[in-house]
Amino acid sequence: MGSLVALLVALIWKPDFEEWRLGWDIKLFARIFSGIMISGMAFAVIVWCVDANGPVFVSMFRPVRLVVVVIVASLILQEPIYSGSIIGTVILVGGLYLVLWAKKKEMKSMSNPVETNRTDRNVV
């Protein structure tokens, strides 16, 4: 759906199809190379993280990208940081570390099982 919206906006913004043409030059090579390399590196890092720590860690670090975007936009593009961005960043990072803390605690409890009482077992 995002691709369709982006296509619609691009068609409205640049209706001349001559500007859409890709030539056989360094720009085309750079786009293909960066797409393949970034996708390959991201896939390798995701597979490594899932293998090392499980899928929760991979899914929990997706919101960190939003925090990085706010920081980079402020430093490089000189965009102002609004209080909503700061509050959202604090909520995202707090929630991220809360889930990671709970997952670590859960993994620790699974590696050191506690003896259960007879009343805790299901008796038929």
Protein backbone atom coordinates (compact mmCIF):
# COMPACT_ATOMS: atom_id res chain seq x y z
CA MET A 1 0.00 0.00 0.00
CA GLY A 2 2.90 2.33 0.77
CA SER A 3 4.31 1.73 -2.71
CA LEU A 4 1.02 2.68 -4.32
CA VAL A 5 0.80 5.90 -2.31
CA ALA A 6 4.43 6.73 -3.14
CA LEU A 7 3.75 6.07 -6.83
CA LEU A 8 0.70 8.34 -6.77
CA VAL A 9 2.63 11.14 -5.06
CA ALA A 10 5.54 10.73 -7.49
CA LEU A 11 3.22 10.87 -10.49
CA ILE A 12 1.65 14.06 -9.20
CA TRP A 13 5.01 15.60 -8.27
CA LYS A 14 6.85 14.68 -11.49
CA PRO A 15 4.35 13.90 -14.28
CA ASP A 16 7.04 14.06 -17.00
CA PHE A 17 8.15 10.48 -17.73
CA GLU A 18 11.50 11.64 -19.12
CA GLU A 19 12.59 12.37 -15.55
CA TRP A 20 11.74 8.81 -14.55
CA ARG A 21 14.09 7.20 -17.06
CA LEU A 22 17.10 5.35 -15.69
CA GLY A 23 20.17 5.42 -17.88
CA TRP A 24 23.06 2.97 -17.96
CA ASP A 25 25.32 5.10 -15.80
CA ILE A 26 26.84 5.17 -12.33
CA LYS A 27 23.52 6.24 -10.77
CA LEU A 28 21.83 3.01 -11.83
CA PHE A 29 24.80 0.96 -10.62
CA ALA A 30 24.81 2.79 -7.28
CA ARG A 31 21.09 2.15 -6.74
CA ILE A 32 21.32 -1.54 -7.59
CA PHE A 33 24.50 -2.06 -5.59
CA SER A 34 23.22 -0.27 -2.50
CA GLY A 35 19.88 -2.09 -2.67
CA ILE A 36 21.55 -5.50 -2.87
CA MET A 37 24.21 -4.73 -0.25
CA ILE A 38 21.86 -3.11 2.27
CA SER A 39 19.28 -5.87 1.89
CA GLY A 40 21.95 -8.55 2.20
CA MET A 41 23.55 -6.98 5.25
CA ALA A 42 20.20 -6.43 6.94
CA PHE A 43 19.20 -10.04 6.27
CA ALA A 44 22.51 -11.32 7.68
CA VAL A 45 22.17 -9.22 10.84
CA ILE A 46 18.55 -10.29 11.36
CA VAL A 47 19.41 -13.98 10.94
CA TRP A 48 22.33 -13.65 13.35
CA CYS A 49 20.19 -11.87 15.95
CA VAL A 50 17.34 -14.41 15.70
CA ASP A 51 19.85 -17.25 16.03
CA ALA A 52 21.59 -15.65 19.01
CA ASN A 53 18.68 -14.24 21.01
CA GLY A 54 15.36 -15.14 19.43
CA PRO A 55 12.81 -13.23 17.35
CA VAL A 56 11.73 -10.89 20.16
CA PHE A 57 15.00 -8.97 19.98
CA VAL A 58 14.73 -8.39 16.23
CA SER A 59 11.17 -7.11 16.39
CA MET A 60 11.87 -4.91 19.40
CA PHE A 61 14.70 -2.98 17.75
CA ARG A 62 12.57 -1.78 14.83
CA PRO A 63 11.35 1.30 16.78
CA VAL A 64 14.98 2.34 17.30
CA ARG A 65 15.03 3.40 13.65
CA LEU A 66 12.53 6.15 14.45
CA VAL A 67 14.78 7.44 17.21
CA VAL A 68 17.78 7.43 14.84
CA VAL A 69 15.75 9.33 12.22
CA VAL A 70 14.90 12.06 14.73
CA ILE A 71 18.54 12.39 15.81
CA VAL A 72 19.96 12.38 12.27
CA ALA A 73 17.32 14.83 11.01
CA SER A 74 18.22 17.17 13.84
CA LEU A 75 21.99 16.94 13.38
CA ILE A 76 22.31 16.80 9.60
CA LEU A 77 19.18 18.52 8.30
CA GLN A 78 18.98 21.07 11.12
CA GLU A 79 15.34 20.20 11.78
CA PRO A 80 13.97 21.29 15.15
CA ILE A 81 13.15 18.60 17.69
CA TYR A 82 9.70 19.09 19.14
CA SER A 83 8.57 17.99 22.58
CA GLY A 84 6.36 15.33 20.97
CA SER A 85 9.44 13.76 19.39
CA ILE A 86 11.25 13.70 22.72
CA ILE A 87 8.25 12.24 24.58
CA GLY A 88 7.76 9.63 21.85
CA THR A 89 11.44 8.71 21.95
CA VAL A 90 11.35 8.26 25.73
CA ILE A 91 8.23 6.08 25.48
CA LEU A 92 9.74 3.97 22.68
CA VAL A 93 13.07 3.43 24.42
CA GLY A 94 11.37 2.78 27.77
CA GLY A 95 9.02 0.22 26.24
CA LEU A 96 11.86 -1.40 24.33
CA TYR A 97 13.98 -1.90 27.40
CA LEU A 98 11.00 -3.01 29.48
CA VAL A 99 10.25 -5.81 27.02
CA LEU A 100 13.92 -6.76 26.74
CA TRP A 101 14.25 -6.82 30.54
CA ALA A 102 11.18 -9.06 30.83
CA LYS A 103 12.49 -11.37 28.08
CA LYS A 104 15.86 -11.66 29.83
CA LYS A 105 14.12 -12.43 33.12
CA GLU A 106 11.96 -15.05 31.39
CA MET A 107 14.98 -16.69 29.75
CA LYS A 108 16.80 -16.74 33.09
CA SER A 109 13.83 -18.38 34.83
CA MET A 110 13.60 -21.00 32.06
CA SER A 111 17.27 -21.91 32.47
CA ASN A 112 16.90 -22.27 36.27
CA PRO A 113 13.63 -24.13 36.79
CA VAL A 114 12.13 -23.84 40.25
CA GLU A 115 10.71 -26.95 41.85
CA THR A 116 6.94 -26.92 41.73
CA ASN A 117 4.68 -28.00 44.51
CA ARG A 118 2.35 -30.93 44.07
CA THR A 119 -0.60 -28.53 44.24
CA ASP A 120 0.65 -26.73 41.10
CA ARG A 121 0.49 -29.85 38.94
CA ASN A 122 -2.64 -30.86 37.11
CA VAL A 123 -3.90 -34.05 38.69
CA VAL A 124 -6.63 -35.95 36.95
